[in-house]
Amino acid sequence: MKDEIIEMMGDAFSMRKILGEEGWKIYINATEKVKVITNIVVKNDLRKMQEGFKRLDKLEIQSLK
C-alpha cells in the first residue's frame, strides 16, 4: 500500500514513518474505523507538537532580545 501523507499546519508527514514498519503493517490491514481513529490521534499529536515548537521559537526569540 502506498504511504499516506498527512498535511498539518503547512508541513507534510509520512504515516509510514510515524507508525514505523511494524505499526504500518498493522495499520494497512486494519478496518476503516481503526484507520480513522489512528489518523485523528496522529493529527492531534502532530498539532500539539507543532504548537509546542512555535511556543519554543517565541521563547527563544524573546530570550535573545
Protein backbone atom coordinates (compact mmCIF):
# COMPACT_ATOMS: atom_id res chain seq x y z
CA MET A 1 0.00 0.00 0.00
CA LYS A 2 1.18 3.47 -0.84
CA ASP A 3 2.27 5.69 2.06
CA GLU A 4 -0.27 8.15 3.42
CA ILE A 5 0.83 11.75 3.83
CA ILE A 6 -0.73 13.95 6.50
CA GLU A 7 -0.66 17.71 5.98
CA MET A 8 -0.55 19.64 9.23
CA MET A 9 -0.02 23.39 9.51
CA GLY A 10 1.83 23.54 6.20
CA ASP A 11 4.07 20.52 6.83
CA ALA A 12 3.77 17.02 5.35
CA PHE A 13 4.25 13.92 7.49
CA SER A 14 4.52 10.27 6.46
CA MET A 15 2.18 7.92 8.30
CA ARG A 16 4.55 5.07 7.48
CA LYS A 17 7.45 6.83 9.22
CA ILE A 18 5.32 7.89 12.16
CA LEU A 19 3.98 4.38 12.77
CA GLY A 20 7.20 2.54 11.97
CA GLU A 21 7.28 -0.58 9.82
CA GLU A 22 5.52 -2.85 12.33
CA GLY A 23 2.83 -0.28 13.05
CA TRP A 24 2.40 0.38 9.33
CA LYS A 25 1.82 -3.33 8.64
CA ILE A 26 -0.89 -3.39 11.29
CA TYR A 27 -2.40 -0.12 10.05
CA ILE A 28 -2.76 -1.17 6.40
CA ASN A 29 -4.61 -4.34 7.44
CA ALA A 30 -6.87 -2.57 9.95
CA THR A 31 -10.53 -1.76 9.47
CA GLU A 32 -11.57 1.66 8.19
CA LYS A 33 -12.75 2.67 11.70
CA VAL A 34 -9.33 1.89 13.17
CA LYS A 35 -7.63 3.90 10.41
CA VAL A 36 -9.88 6.90 11.07
CA ILE A 37 -9.19 6.78 14.81
CA THR A 38 -5.45 6.39 14.20
CA ASN A 39 -5.46 9.40 11.86
CA ILE A 40 -7.29 11.51 14.46
CA VAL A 41 -4.82 10.58 17.20
CA VAL A 42 -1.77 11.16 14.98
CA LYS A 43 -3.08 14.53 13.73
CA ASN A 44 -3.83 15.63 17.29
CA ASP A 45 -0.31 14.68 18.43
CA LEU A 46 1.28 16.42 15.43
CA ARG A 47 -0.76 19.58 16.06
CA LYS A 48 0.31 19.65 19.72
CA MET A 49 3.93 19.07 18.74
CA GLN A 50 3.91 21.87 16.18
CA GLU A 51 2.23 24.27 18.60
CA GLY A 52 4.89 23.43 21.19
CA PHE A 53 7.67 24.14 18.69
CA LYS A 54 6.10 27.50 17.85
CA ARG A 55 5.98 28.39 21.57
CA LEU A 56 9.62 27.38 21.97
CA ASP A 57 10.57 29.52 18.98
CA LYS A 58 8.78 32.52 20.52
CA LEU A 59 10.53 31.98 23.86
CA GLU A 60 13.89 31.68 22.14
CA ILE A 61 13.33 34.89 20.17
CA GLN A 62 12.25 36.72 23.33
CA SER A 63 15.27 35.50 25.28
CA LEU A 64 17.64 36.79 22.57
CA LYS A 65 16.29 40.34 22.88
